[in-house]
PDB file of N, CA and C in Angstrom:
ATOM      1  N   MET A   1      -0.985-113.127  89.237  1.00  0.00           N
ATOM      2  CA  MET A   1      -0.374-112.520  90.411  1.00  0.00           C
ATOM      3  C   MET A   1      -1.379-112.559  91.569  1.00  0.00           C
ATOM      4  N   VAL A   2      -0.898-112.935  92.725  1.00  0.00           N
ATOM      5  CA  VAL A   2      -1.692-113.000  93.935  1.00  0.00           C
ATOM      6  C   VAL A   2      -1.224-111.899  94.884  1.00  0.00           C
ATOM      7  N   THR A   3      -2.160-111.304  95.617  1.00  0.00           N
ATOM      8  CA  THR A   3      -1.809-110.314  96.635  1.00  0.00           C
ATOM      9  C   THR A   3      -1.815-110.990  97.994  1.00  0.00           C
ATOM     10  N   PHE A   4      -0.655-110.959  98.663  1.00  0.00           N
ATOM     11  CA  PHE A   4      -0.493-111.534  99.993  1.00  0.00           C
ATOM     12  C   PHE A   4      -0.383-110.421 101.025  1.00  0.00           C
ATOM     13  N   THR A   5      -1.152-110.526 102.100  1.00  0.00           N
ATOM     14  CA  THR A   5      -0.939-109.706 103.281  1.00  0.00           C
ATOM     15  C   THR A   5      -0.354-110.638 104.325  1.00  0.00           C
ATOM     16  N   ILE A   6       0.819-110.285 104.824  1.00  0.00           N
ATOM     17  CA  ILE A   6       1.527-111.097 105.805  1.00  0.00           C
ATOM     18  C   ILE A   6       1.524-110.342 107.127  1.00  0.00           C
ATOM     19  N   ILE A   7       0.964-110.959 108.150  1.00  0.00           N
ATOM     20  CA  ILE A   7       0.884-110.350 109.474  1.00  0.00           C
ATOM     21  C   ILE A   7       1.926-111.021 110.365  1.00  0.00           C
ATOM     22  N   ILE A   8       2.789-110.203 110.959  1.00  0.00           N
ATOM     23  CA  ILE A   8       3.865-110.729 111.806  1.00  0.00           C
ATOM     24  C   ILE A   8       3.679-110.221 113.232  1.00  0.00           C
ATOM     25  N   TYR A   9       3.549-111.154 114.167  1.00  0.00           N
ATOM     26  CA  TYR A   9       3.388-110.841 115.585  1.00  0.00           C
ATOM     27  C   TYR A   9       4.704-110.964 116.355  1.00  0.00           C
ATOM     28  N   GLU A  10       5.605-111.755 115.861  1.00  0.00           N
ATOM     29  CA  GLU A  10       6.793-112.169 116.614  1.00  0.00           C
ATOM     30  C   GLU A  10       7.938-111.162 116.496  1.00  0.00           C
ATOM     31  N   ALA A  11       8.629-110.953 117.601  1.00  0.00           N
ATOM     32  CA  ALA A  11       9.795-110.062 117.625  1.00  0.00           C
ATOM     33  C   ALA A  11      10.966-110.710 116.886  1.00  0.00           C
ATOM     34  N   PRO A  12      11.860-109.895 116.370  1.00  0.00           N
ATOM     35  CA  PRO A  12      13.055-110.455 115.727  1.00  0.00           C
ATOM     36  C   PRO A  12      14.005-111.032 116.770  1.00  0.00           C
ATOM     37  N   TYR A  13      14.800-111.999 116.308  1.00  0.00           N
ATOM     38  CA  TYR A  13      15.920-112.557 117.059  1.00  0.00           C
ATOM     39  C   TYR A  13      15.527-113.497 118.190  1.00  0.00           C
ATOM     40  N   ALA A  14      14.304-113.434 118.713  1.00  0.00           N
ATOM     41  CA  ALA A  14      13.915-114.305 119.823  1.00  0.00           C
ATOM     42  C   ALA A  14      13.617-115.724 119.327  1.00  0.00           C
ATOM     43  N   LYS A  15      12.881-115.814 118.259  1.00  0.00           N
ATOM     44  CA  LYS A  15      12.516-117.095 117.645  1.00  0.00           C
ATOM     45  C   LYS A  15      12.723-116.943 116.145  1.00  0.00           C
ATOM     46  N   GLU A  16      12.420-117.975 115.413  1.00  0.00           N
ATOM     47  CA  GLU A  16      12.612-117.917 113.958  1.00  0.00           C
ATOM     48  C   GLU A  16      11.344-117.607 113.194  1.00  0.00           C
ATOM     49  N   ARG A  17      10.234-117.391 113.889  1.00  0.00           N
ATOM     50  CA  ARG A  17       8.961-117.155 113.207  1.00  0.00           C
ATOM     51  C   ARG A  17       9.020-115.907 112.326  1.00  0.00           C
ATOM     52  N   ALA A  18       9.597-114.822 112.828  1.00  0.00           N
ATOM     53  CA  ALA A  18       9.695-113.591 112.032  1.00  0.00           C
ATOM     54  C   ALA A  18      10.577-113.808 110.803  1.00  0.00           C
ATOM     55  N   LEU A  19      11.654-114.550 110.979  1.00  0.00           N
ATOM     56  CA  LEU A  19      12.524-114.857 109.842  1.00  0.00           C
ATOM     57  C   LEU A  19      11.773-115.677 108.804  1.00  0.00           C
ATOM     58  N   SER A  20      10.997-116.653 109.249  1.00  0.00           N
ATOM     59  CA  SER A  20      10.197-117.453 108.311  1.00  0.00           C
ATOM     60  C   SER A  20       9.217-116.579 107.549  1.00  0.00           C
ATOM     61  N   ALA A  21       8.611-115.620 108.244  1.00  0.00           N
ATOM     62  CA  ALA A  21       7.672-114.697 107.594  1.00  0.00           C
ATOM     63  C   ALA A  21       8.374-113.876 106.518  1.00  0.00           C
ATOM     64  N   LEU A  22       9.556-113.360 106.831  1.00  0.00           N
ATOM     65  CA  LEU A  22      10.289-112.539 105.865  1.00  0.00           C
ATOM     66  C   LEU A  22      10.779-113.385 104.690  1.00  0.00           C
ATOM     67  N   ARG A  23      11.177-114.621 104.952  1.00  0.00           N
ATOM     68  CA  ARG A  23      11.578-115.511 103.862  1.00  0.00           C
ATOM     69  C   ARG A  23      10.391-115.812 102.952  1.00  0.00           C
ATOM     70  N   PHE A  24       9.219-116.025 103.549  1.00  0.00           N
ATOM     71  CA  PHE A  24       8.004-116.253 102.763  1.00  0.00           C
ATOM     72  C   PHE A  24       7.693-115.023 101.912  1.00  0.00           C
ATOM     73  N   ALA A  25       7.785-113.838 102.516  1.00  0.00           N
ATOM     74  CA  ALA A  25       7.532-112.585 101.795  1.00  0.00           C
ATOM     75  C   ALA A  25       8.498-112.434 100.627  1.00  0.00           C
ATOM     76  N   TRP A  26       9.766-112.722 100.880  1.00  0.00           N
ATOM     77  CA  TRP A  26      10.801-112.605  99.846  1.00  0.00           C
ATOM     78  C   TRP A  26      10.483-113.545  98.682  1.00  0.00           C
ATOM     79  N   THR A  27      10.097-114.769  98.990  1.00  0.00           N
ATOM     80  CA  THR A  27       9.786-115.747  97.951  1.00  0.00           C
ATOM     81  C   THR A  27       8.569-115.315  97.139  1.00  0.00           C
ATOM     82  N   CYS A  28       7.540-114.810  97.809  1.00  0.00           N
ATOM     83  CA  CYS A  28       6.364-114.295  97.093  1.00  0.00           C
ATOM     84  C   CYS A  28       6.766-113.186  96.135  1.00  0.00           C
ATOM     85  N   ASP A  29       7.615-112.283  96.611  1.00  0.00           N
ATOM     86  CA  ASP A  29       8.075-111.169  95.783  1.00  0.00           C
ATOM     87  C   ASP A  29       8.862-111.676  94.576  1.00  0.00           C
ATOM     88  N   VAL A  30       9.781-112.595  94.815  1.00  0.00           N
ATOM     89  CA  VAL A  30      10.603-113.153  93.730  1.00  0.00           C
ATOM     90  C   VAL A  30       9.726-113.828  92.675  1.00  0.00           C
ATOM     91  N   GLU A  31       8.644-114.451  93.131  1.00  0.00           N
ATOM     92  CA  GLU A  31       7.742-115.133  92.203  1.00  0.00           C
ATOM     93  C   GLU A  31       6.742-114.187  91.540  1.00  0.00           C
ATOM     94  N   GLY A  32       6.872-112.883  91.803  1.00  0.00           N
ATOM     95  CA  GLY A  32       6.064-111.891  91.101  1.00  0.00           C
ATOM     96  C   GLY A  32       4.743-111.534  91.747  1.00  0.00           C
ATOM     97  N   HIS A  33       4.549-111.916  92.991  1.00  0.00           N
ATOM     98  CA  HIS A  33       3.307-111.597  93.683  1.00  0.00           C
ATOM     99  C   HIS A  33       3.424-110.274  94.424  1.00  0.00           C
ATOM    100  N   LYS A  34       2.285-109.664  94.684  1.00  0.00           N
ATOM    101  CA  LYS A  34       2.243-108.432  95.466  1.00  0.00           C
ATOM    102  C   LYS A  34       2.276-108.812  96.943  1.00  0.00           C
ATOM    103  N   VAL A  35       3.124-108.128  97.714  1.00  0.00           N
ATOM    104  CA  VAL A  35       3.307-108.449  99.122  1.00  0.00           C
ATOM    105  C   VAL A  35       3.128-107.196  99.964  1.00  0.00           C
ATOM    106  N   ARG A  36       2.363-107.363 101.057  1.00  0.00           N
ATOM    107  CA  ARG A  36       2.207-106.299 102.050  1.00  0.00           C
ATOM    108  C   ARG A  36       2.453-106.929 103.415  1.00  0.00           C
ATOM    109  N   ILE A  37       3.204-106.236 104.258  1.00  0.00           N
ATOM    110  CA  ILE A  37       3.533-106.759 105.579  1.00  0.00           C
ATOM    111  C   ILE A  37       2.965-105.840 106.645  1.00  0.00           C
ATOM    112  N   TRP A  38       2.223-106.447 107.575  1.00  0.00           N
ATOM    113  CA  TRP A  38       1.654-105.724 108.715  1.00  0.00           C
ATOM    114  C   TRP A  38       2.351-106.218 109.969  1.00  0.00           C
ATOM    115  N   LEU A  39       2.894-105.299 110.763  1.00  0.00           N
ATOM    116  CA  LEU A  39       3.598-105.637 111.998  1.00  0.00           C
ATOM    117  C   LEU A  39       2.704-105.371 113.198  1.00  0.00           C
ATOM    118  N   PHE A  40       2.437-106.428 113.972  1.00  0.00           N
ATOM    119  CA  PHE A  40       1.572-106.379 115.148  1.00  0.00           C
ATOM    120  C   PHE A  40       2.398-106.738 116.382  1.00  0.00           C
ATOM    121  N   GLU A  41       1.920-106.293 117.545  1.00  0.00           N
ATOM    122  CA  GLU A  41       2.517-106.621 118.834  1.00  0.00           C
ATOM    123  C   GLU A  41       4.038-106.454 118.770  1.00  0.00           C
ATOM    124  N   ASN A  42       4.811-107.469 119.224  1.00  0.00           N
ATOM    125  CA  ASN A  42       6.276-107.335 119.210  1.00  0.00           C
ATOM    126  C   ASN A  42       6.870-107.356 117.807  1.00  0.00           C
ATOM    127  N   GLY A  43       6.066-107.673 116.825  1.00  0.00           N
ATOM    128  CA  GLY A  43       6.526-107.624 115.442  1.00  0.00           C
ATOM    129  C   GLY A  43       6.954-106.235 115.004  1.00  0.00           C
ATOM    130  N   VAL A  44       6.476-105.189 115.710  1.00  0.00           N
ATOM    131  CA  VAL A  44       6.871-103.828 115.334  1.00  0.00           C
ATOM    132  C   VAL A  44       8.379-103.621 115.469  1.00  0.00           C
ATOM    133  N   TYR A  45       9.022-104.430 116.323  1.00  0.00           N
ATOM    134  CA  TYR A  45      10.480-104.308 116.489  1.00  0.00           C
ATOM    135  C   TYR A  45      11.256-104.718 115.237  1.00  0.00           C
ATOM    136  N   LEU A  46      10.615-105.427 114.325  1.00  0.00           N
ATOM    137  CA  LEU A  46      11.276-105.755 113.059  1.00  0.00           C
ATOM    138  C   LEU A  46      11.667-104.496 112.293  1.00  0.00           C
ATOM    139  N   ALA A  47      10.909-103.441 112.494  1.00  0.00           N
ATOM    140  CA  ALA A  47      11.122-102.202 111.737  1.00  0.00           C
ATOM    141  C   ALA A  47      11.989-101.188 112.483  1.00  0.00           C
ATOM    142  N   LYS A  48      12.549-101.568 113.619  1.00  0.00           N
ATOM    143  CA  LYS A  48      13.368-100.637 114.403  1.00  0.00           C
ATOM    144  C   LYS A  48      14.649-100.309 113.658  1.00  0.00           C
ATOM    145  N   LYS A  49      14.955 -99.016 113.565  1.00  0.00           N
ATOM    146  CA  LYS A  49      16.204 -98.555 112.946  1.00  0.00           C
ATOM    147  C   LYS A  49      17.400 -99.000 113.776  1.00  0.00           C
ATOM    148  N   GLY A  50      18.533 -99.116 113.117  1.00  0.00           N
ATOM    149  CA  GLY A  50      19.804 -99.317 113.810  1.00  0.00           C
ATOM    150  C   GLY A  50      20.024-100.695 114.390  1.00  0.00           C
ATOM    151  N   GLN A  51      19.386-101.713 113.834  1.00  0.00           N
ATOM    152  CA  GLN A  51      19.590-103.067 114.348  1.00  0.00           C
ATOM    153  C   GLN A  51      21.036-103.502 114.123  1.00  0.00           C
ATOM    154  N   LYS A  52      21.607-104.112 115.147  1.00  0.00           N
ATOM    155  CA  LYS A  52      22.975-104.620 115.063  1.00  0.00           C
ATOM    156  C   LYS A  52      23.011-106.035 115.634  1.00  0.00           C
ATOM    157  N   PRO A  53      22.526-106.989 114.861  1.00  0.00           N
ATOM    158  CA  PRO A  53      22.488-108.361 115.365  1.00  0.00           C
ATOM    159  C   PRO A  53      23.899-108.924 115.557  1.00  0.00           C
ATOM    160  N   ALA A  54      24.000-109.894 116.450  1.00  0.00           N
ATOM    161  CA  ALA A  54      25.278-110.561 116.686  1.00  0.00           C
ATOM    162  C   ALA A  54      25.768-111.213 115.395  1.00  0.00           C
ATOM    163  N   GLN A  55      27.070-111.404 115.332  1.00  0.00           N
ATOM    164  CA  GLN A  55      27.669-112.011 114.143  1.00  0.00           C
ATOM    165  C   GLN A  55      26.994-113.350 113.848  1.00  0.00           C
ATOM    166  N   GLY A  56      26.653-113.547 112.602  1.00  0.00           N
ATOM    167  CA  GLY A  56      26.024-114.780 112.172  1.00  0.00           C
ATOM    168  C   GLY A  56      24.503-114.740 112.166  1.00  0.00           C
ATOM    169  N   LEU A  57      23.900-113.710 112.792  1.00  0.00           N
ATOM    170  CA  LEU A  57      22.447-113.581 112.784  1.00  0.00           C
ATOM    171  C   LEU A  57      21.999-112.705 111.621  1.00  0.00           C
ATOM    172  N   THR A  58      20.818-112.963 111.117  1.00  0.00           N
ATOM    173  CA  THR A  58      20.241-112.193 110.025  1.00  0.00           C
ATOM    174  C   THR A  58      19.822-110.820 110.526  1.00  0.00           C
ATOM    175  N   ASN A  59      20.033-109.800 109.716  1.00  0.00           N
ATOM    176  CA  ASN A  59      19.565-108.456 110.048  1.00  0.00           C
ATOM    177  C   ASN A  59      18.152-108.306 109.474  1.00  0.00           C
ATOM    178  N   TYR A  60      17.159-108.399 110.358  1.00  0.00           N
ATOM    179  CA  TYR A  60      15.757-108.327 109.939  1.00  0.00           C
ATOM    180  C   TYR A  60      15.421-106.970 109.332  1.00  0.00           C
ATOM    181  N   GLY A  61      15.981-105.929 109.897  1.00  0.00           N
ATOM    182  CA  GLY A  61      15.737-104.587 109.367  1.00  0.00           C
ATOM    183  C   GLY A  61      16.204-104.467 107.925  1.00  0.00           C
ATOM    184  N   GLN A  62      17.380-105.034 107.643  1.00  0.00           N
ATOM    185  CA  GLN A  62      17.898-105.003 106.281  1.00  0.00           C
ATOM    186  C   GLN A  62      17.008-105.800 105.334  1.00  0.00           C
ATOM    187  N   MET A  63      16.491-106.927 105.823  1.00  0.00           N
ATOM    188  CA  MET A  63      15.569-107.717 104.994  1.00  0.00           C
ATOM    189  C   MET A  63      14.321-106.910 104.653  1.00  0.00           C
ATOM    190  N   LEU A  64      13.778-106.184 105.652  1.00  0.00           N
ATOM    191  CA  LEU A  64      12.605-105.343 105.390  1.00  0.00           C
ATOM    192  C   LEU A  64      12.928-104.259 104.367  1.00  0.00           C
ATOM    193  N   GLU A  65      14.074-103.621 104.542  1.00  0.00           N
ATOM    194  CA  GLU A  65      14.475-102.568 103.595  1.00  0.00           C
ATOM    195  C   GLU A  65      14.580-103.127 102.183  1.00  0.00           C
ATOM    196  N   ASP A  66      15.194-104.300 102.042  1.00  0.00           N
ATOM    197  CA  ASP A  66      15.333-104.913 100.718  1.00  0.00           C
ATOM    198  C   ASP A  66      13.970-105.247 100.115  1.00  0.00           C
ATOM    199  N   LEU A  67      13.053-105.744 100.938  1.00  0.00           N
ATOM    200  CA  LEU A  67      11.706-106.030 100.444  1.00  0.00           C
ATOM    201  C   LEU A  67      11.001-104.753  99.986  1.00  0.00           C
ATOM    202  N   MET A  68      11.159-103.681 100.753  1.00  0.00           N
ATOM    203  CA  MET A  68      10.517-102.412 100.376  1.00  0.00           C
ATOM    204  C   MET A  68      11.098-101.854  99.084  1.00  0.00           C
ATOM    205  N   LYS A  69      12.387-102.053  98.857  1.00  0.00           N
ATOM    206  CA  LYS A  69      12.993-101.618  97.590  1.00  0.00           C
ATOM    207  C   LYS A  69      12.343-102.315  96.407  1.00  0.00           C
ATOM    208  N   GLY A  70      11.858-103.538  96.636  1.00  0.00           N
ATOM    209  CA  GLY A  70      11.181-104.302  95.590  1.00  0.00           C
ATOM    210  C   GLY A  70       9.703-104.004  95.472  1.00  0.00           C
ATOM    211  N   GLY A  71       9.192-103.086  96.308  1.00  0.00           N
ATOM    212  CA  GLY A  71       7.799-102.675  96.195  1.00  0.00           C
ATOM    213  C   GLY A  71       6.883-103.155  97.305  1.00  0.00           C
ATOM    214  N   THR A  72       7.416-103.906  98.267  1.00  0.00           N
ATOM    215  CA  THR A  72       6.596-104.374  99.381  1.00  0.00           C
ATOM    216  C   THR A  72       6.241-103.211 100.296  1.00  0.00           C
ATOM    217  N   GLU A  73       4.954-103.093 100.644  1.00  0.00           N
ATOM    218  CA  GLU A  73       4.514-102.100 101.622  1.00  0.00           C
ATOM    219  C   GLU A  73       4.631-102.711 103.007  1.00  0.00           C
ATOM    220  N   VAL A  74       5.095-101.902 103.972  1.00  0.00           N
ATOM    221  CA  VAL A  74       5.199-102.364 105.355  1.00  0.00           C
ATOM    222  C   VAL A  74       4.554-101.314 106.250  1.00  0.00           C
ATOM    223  N   LYS A  75       3.634-101.800 107.103  1.00  0.00           N
ATOM    224  CA  LYS A  75       2.982-100.918 108.069  1.00  0.00           C
ATOM    225  C   LYS A  75       3.071-101.542 109.453  1.00  0.00           C
ATOM    226  N   ALA A  76       3.166-100.674 110.467  1.00  0.00           N
ATOM    227  CA  ALA A  76       3.239-101.096 111.856  1.00  0.00           C
ATOM    228  C   ALA A  76       2.038-100.550 112.610  1.00  0.00           C
ATOM    229  N   CYS A  77       1.460-101.381 113.455  1.00  0.00           N
ATOM    230  CA  CYS A  77       0.299-100.997 114.257  1.00  0.00           C
ATOM    231  C   CYS A  77       0.650 -99.841 115.186  1.00  0.00           C
ATOM    232  N   VAL A  78      -0.134 -98.778 115.129  1.00  0.00           N
ATOM    233  CA  VAL A  78       0.126 -97.583 115.938  1.00  0.00           C
ATOM    234  C   VAL A  78      -0.004 -97.878 117.428  1.00  0.00           C
ATOM    235  N   VAL A  79      -0.999 -98.647 117.825  1.00  0.00           N
ATOM    236  CA  VAL A  79      -1.195 -98.973 119.242  1.00  0.00           C
ATOM    237  C   VAL A  79      -0.017 -99.800 119.757  1.00  0.00           C
ATOM    238  N   CYS A  80       0.426-100.758 118.959  1.00  0.00           N
ATOM    239  CA  CYS A  80       1.555-101.613 119.337  1.00  0.00           C
ATOM    240  C   CYS A  80       2.854-100.810 119.434  1.00  0.00           C
ATOM    241  N   ALA A  81       3.083 -99.926 118.468  1.00  0.00           N
ATOM    242  CA  ALA A  81       4.284 -99.089 118.490  1.00  0.00           C
ATOM    243  C   ALA A  81       4.270 -98.161 119.693  1.00  0.00           C
ATOM    244  N   ASP A  82       3.140 -97.509 119.937  1.00  0.00           N
ATOM    245  CA  ASP A  82       3.018 -96.608 121.089  1.00  0.00           C
ATOM    246  C   ASP A  82       3.292 -97.344 122.399  1.00  0.00           C
ATOM    247  N   ALA A  83       2.723 -98.526 122.546  1.00  0.00           N
ATOM    248  CA  ALA A  83       2.891 -99.298 123.778  1.00  0.00           C
ATOM    249  C   ALA A  83       4.350 -99.665 124.035  1.00  0.00           C
ATOM    250  N   ARG A  84       5.142 -99.733 122.970  1.00  0.00           N
ATOM    251  CA  ARG A  84       6.549-100.104 123.084  1.00  0.00           C
ATOM    252  C   ARG A  84       7.480 -98.907 122.982  1.00  0.00           C
ATOM    253  N   GLY A  85       6.897 -97.704 123.001  1.00  0.00           N
ATOM    254  CA  GLY A  85       7.693 -96.483 122.978  1.00  0.00           C
ATOM    255  C   GLY A  85       8.330 -96.175 121.644  1.00  0.00           C
ATOM    256  N   LEU A  86       7.800 -96.744 120.576  1.00  0.00           N
ATOM    257  CA  LEU A  86       8.341 -96.503 119.242  1.00  0.00           C
ATOM    258  C   LEU A  86       7.530 -95.432 118.531  1.00  0.00           C
ATOM    259  N   THR A  87       8.221 -94.514 117.897  1.00  0.00           N
ATOM    260  CA  THR A  87       7.580 -93.482 117.089  1.00  0.00           C
ATOM    261  C   THR A  87       7.971 -93.685 115.633  1.00  0.00           C
ATOM    262  N   GLN A  88       7.355 -92.921 114.762  1.00  0.00           N
ATOM    263  CA  GLN A  88       7.703 -93.006 113.338  1.00  0.00           C
ATOM    264  C   GLN A  88       9.199 -92.786 113.127  1.00  0.00           C
ATOM    265  N   ALA A  89       9.789 -91.884 113.903  1.00  0.00           N
ATOM    266  CA  ALA A  89      11.222 -91.586 113.784  1.00  0.00           C
ATOM    267  C   ALA A  89      12.103 -92.773 114.164  1.00  0.00           C
ATOM    268  N   ASP A  90      11.583 -93.708 114.949  1.00  0.00           N
ATOM    269  CA  ASP A  90      12.344 -94.885 115.377  1.00  0.00           C
ATOM    270  C   ASP A  90      12.360 -95.987 114.334  1.00  0.00           C
ATOM    271  N   LEU A  91      11.503 -95.863 113.330  1.00  0.00           N
ATOM    272  CA  LEU A  91      11.332 -96.944 112.367  1.00  0.00           C
ATOM    273  C   LEU A  91      12.115 -96.706 111.084  1.00  0.00           C
ATOM    274  N   ILE A  92      12.441 -97.790 110.434  1.00  0.00           N
ATOM    275  CA  ILE A  92      13.139 -97.760 109.151  1.00  0.00           C
ATOM    276  C   ILE A  92      12.347 -96.903 108.168  1.00  0.00           C
ATOM    277  N   ASP A  93      13.073 -96.107 107.388  1.00  0.00           N
ATOM    278  CA  ASP A  93      12.417 -95.269 106.384  1.00  0.00           C
ATOM    279  C   ASP A  93      11.570 -96.131 105.453  1.00  0.00           C
ATOM    280  N   GLY A  94      10.345 -95.694 105.242  1.00  0.00           N
ATOM    281  CA  GLY A  94       9.426 -96.401 104.361  1.00  0.00           C
ATOM    282  C   GLY A  94       8.372 -97.198 105.104  1.00  0.00           C
ATOM    283  N   VAL A  95       8.648 -97.555 106.365  1.00  0.00           N
ATOM    284  CA  VAL A  95       7.646 -98.241 107.179  1.00  0.00           C
ATOM    285  C   VAL A  95       6.713 -97.175 107.731  1.00  0.00           C
ATOM    286  N   LYS A  96       5.422 -97.406 107.603  1.00  0.00           N
ATOM    287  CA  LYS A  96       4.443 -96.420 108.061  1.00  0.00           C
ATOM    288  C   LYS A  96       3.696 -96.937 109.274  1.00  0.00           C
ATOM    289  N   ILE A  97       3.520 -96.083 110.265  1.00  0.00           N
ATOM    290  CA  ILE A  97       2.673 -96.416 111.402  1.00  0.00           C
ATOM    291  C   ILE A  97       1.228 -96.219 110.949  1.00  0.00           C
ATOM    292  N   ALA A  98       0.369 -97.198 111.255  1.00  0.00           N
ATOM    293  CA  ALA A  98      -0.990 -97.175 110.721  1.00  0.00           C
ATOM    294  C   ALA A  98      -1.985 -97.746 111.730  1.00  0.00           C
ATOM    295  N   THR A  99      -3.253 -97.509 111.443  1.00  0.00           N
ATOM    296  CA  THR A  99      -4.326 -98.011 112.308  1.00  0.00           C
ATOM    297  C   THR A  99      -4.827 -99.357 111.805  1.00  0.00           C
ATOM    298  N   VAL A 100      -5.546-100.049 112.647  1.00  0.00           N
ATOM    299  CA  VAL A 100      -6.108-101.343 112.279  1.00  0.00           C
ATOM    300  C   VAL A 100      -7.103-101.204 111.126  1.00  0.00           C
ATOM    301  N   HIS A 101      -7.661-100.020 110.949  1.00  0.00           N
ATOM    302  CA  HIS A 101      -8.565 -99.801 109.816  1.00  0.00           C
ATOM    303  C   HIS A 101      -7.836-100.074 108.497  1.00  0.00           C
ATOM    304  N   GLU A 102      -6.548 -99.725 108.451  1.00  0.00           N
ATOM    305  CA  GLU A 102      -5.771 -99.984 107.237  1.00  0.00           C
ATOM    306  C   GLU A 102      -5.518-101.480 107.045  1.00  0.00           C
ATOM    307  N   LEU A 103      -5.345-102.202 108.148  1.00  0.00           N
ATOM    308  CA  LEU A 103      -5.208-103.658 108.053  1.00  0.00           C
ATOM    309  C   LEU A 103      -6.501-104.279 107.539  1.00  0.00           C
ATOM    310  N   VAL A 104      -7.626-103.784 107.992  1.00  0.00           N
ATOM    311  CA  VAL A 104      -8.918-104.282 107.495  1.00  0.00           C
ATOM    312  C   VAL A 104      -9.000-104.076 105.984  1.00  0.00           C
ATOM    313  N   GLU A 105      -8.617-102.893 105.521  1.00  0.00           N
ATOM    314  CA  GLU A 105      -8.638-102.615 104.075  1.00  0.00           C
ATOM    315  C   GLU A 105      -7.727-103.585 103.326  1.00  0.00           C
ATOM    316  N   TRP A 106      -6.512-103.780 103.829  1.00  0.00           N
ATOM    317  CA  TRP A 106      -5.594-104.726 103.187  1.00  0.00           C
ATOM    318  C   TRP A 106      -6.199-106.115 103.137  1.00  0.00           C
ATOM    319  N   THR A 107      -6.776-106.554 104.251  1.00  0.00           N
ATOM    320  CA  THR A 107      -7.341-107.896 104.335  1.00  0.00           C
ATOM    321  C   THR A 107      -8.476-108.085 103.335  1.00  0.00           C
ATOM    322  N   VAL A 108      -9.347-107.104 103.261  1.00  0.00           N
ATOM    323  CA  VAL A 108     -10.473-107.169 102.320  1.00  0.00           C
ATOM    324  C   VAL A 108      -9.983-107.247 100.878  1.00  0.00           C
ATOM    325  N   ASN A 109      -8.865-106.581 100.600  1.00  0.00           N
ATOM    326  CA  ASN A 109      -8.356-106.493  99.234  1.00  0.00           C
ATOM    327  C   ASN A 109      -7.187-107.436  98.963  1.00  0.00           C
ATOM    328  N   SER A 110      -7.057-108.495  99.749  1.00  0.00           N
ATOM    329  CA  SER A 110      -6.008-109.489  99.556  1.00  0.00           C
ATOM    330  C   SER A 110      -6.598-110.794  99.052  1.00  0.00           C
ATOM    331  N   ASP A 111      -5.788-111.507  98.302  1.00  0.00           N
ATOM    332  CA  ASP A 111      -6.189-112.856  97.893  1.00  0.00           C
ATOM    333  C   ASP A 111      -5.902-113.850  99.027  1.00  0.00           C
ATOM    334  N   LYS A 112      -4.803-113.620  99.727  1.00  0.00           N
ATOM    335  CA  LYS A 112      -4.377-114.495 100.816  1.00  0.00           C
ATOM    336  C   LYS A 112      -3.861-113.662 101.970  1.00  0.00           C
ATOM    337  N   VAL A 113      -4.189-114.091 103.197  1.00  0.00           N
ATOM    338  CA  VAL A 113      -3.657-113.477 104.410  1.00  0.00           C
ATOM    339  C   VAL A 113      -2.935-114.567 105.195  1.00  0.00           C
ATOM    340  N   ILE A 114      -1.681-114.335 105.491  1.00  0.00           N
ATOM    341  CA  ILE A 114      -0.836-115.315 106.180  1.00  0.00           C
ATOM    342  C   ILE A 114      -0.407-114.683 107.505  1.00  0.00           C
ATOM    343  N   VAL A 115      -0.484-115.447 108.584  1.00  0.00           N
ATOM    344  CA  VAL A 115      -0.125-114.944 109.906  1.00  0.00           C
ATOM    345  C   VAL A 115       1.048-115.729 110.476  1.00  0.00           C
ATOM    346  N   PHE A 116       2.051-115.001 110.949  1.00  0.00           N
ATOM    347  CA  PHE A 116       3.218-115.590 111.595  1.00  0.00           C
ATOM    348  C   PHE A 116       3.336-115.043 113.002  1.00  0.00           C
TER     349      PHE A 116
END
């Protein structure tokens, strides 16, 4: 088993980079690896509650929730969330607002770090 820390910078729905990151995370999980997701910059919007994407678009929030049900930890950068007016109450249950110190800990204790 490998531990992956996946860092996502990209906002949902604007481009496909965030979707690719979540698909990669899902595949790692399915293959039995440990997965942790860190949301940076506009990536914090992936964890916003109440997403209602247009018909035919993937619901990124639902993907995060499904990953967390499987044991994936998800944290959002506190500075990034604050800058965008997001509080813990705005985020999907289970996503934790955290400091970069926690990302450093994850990085040190990961086998692989992937950035999207």
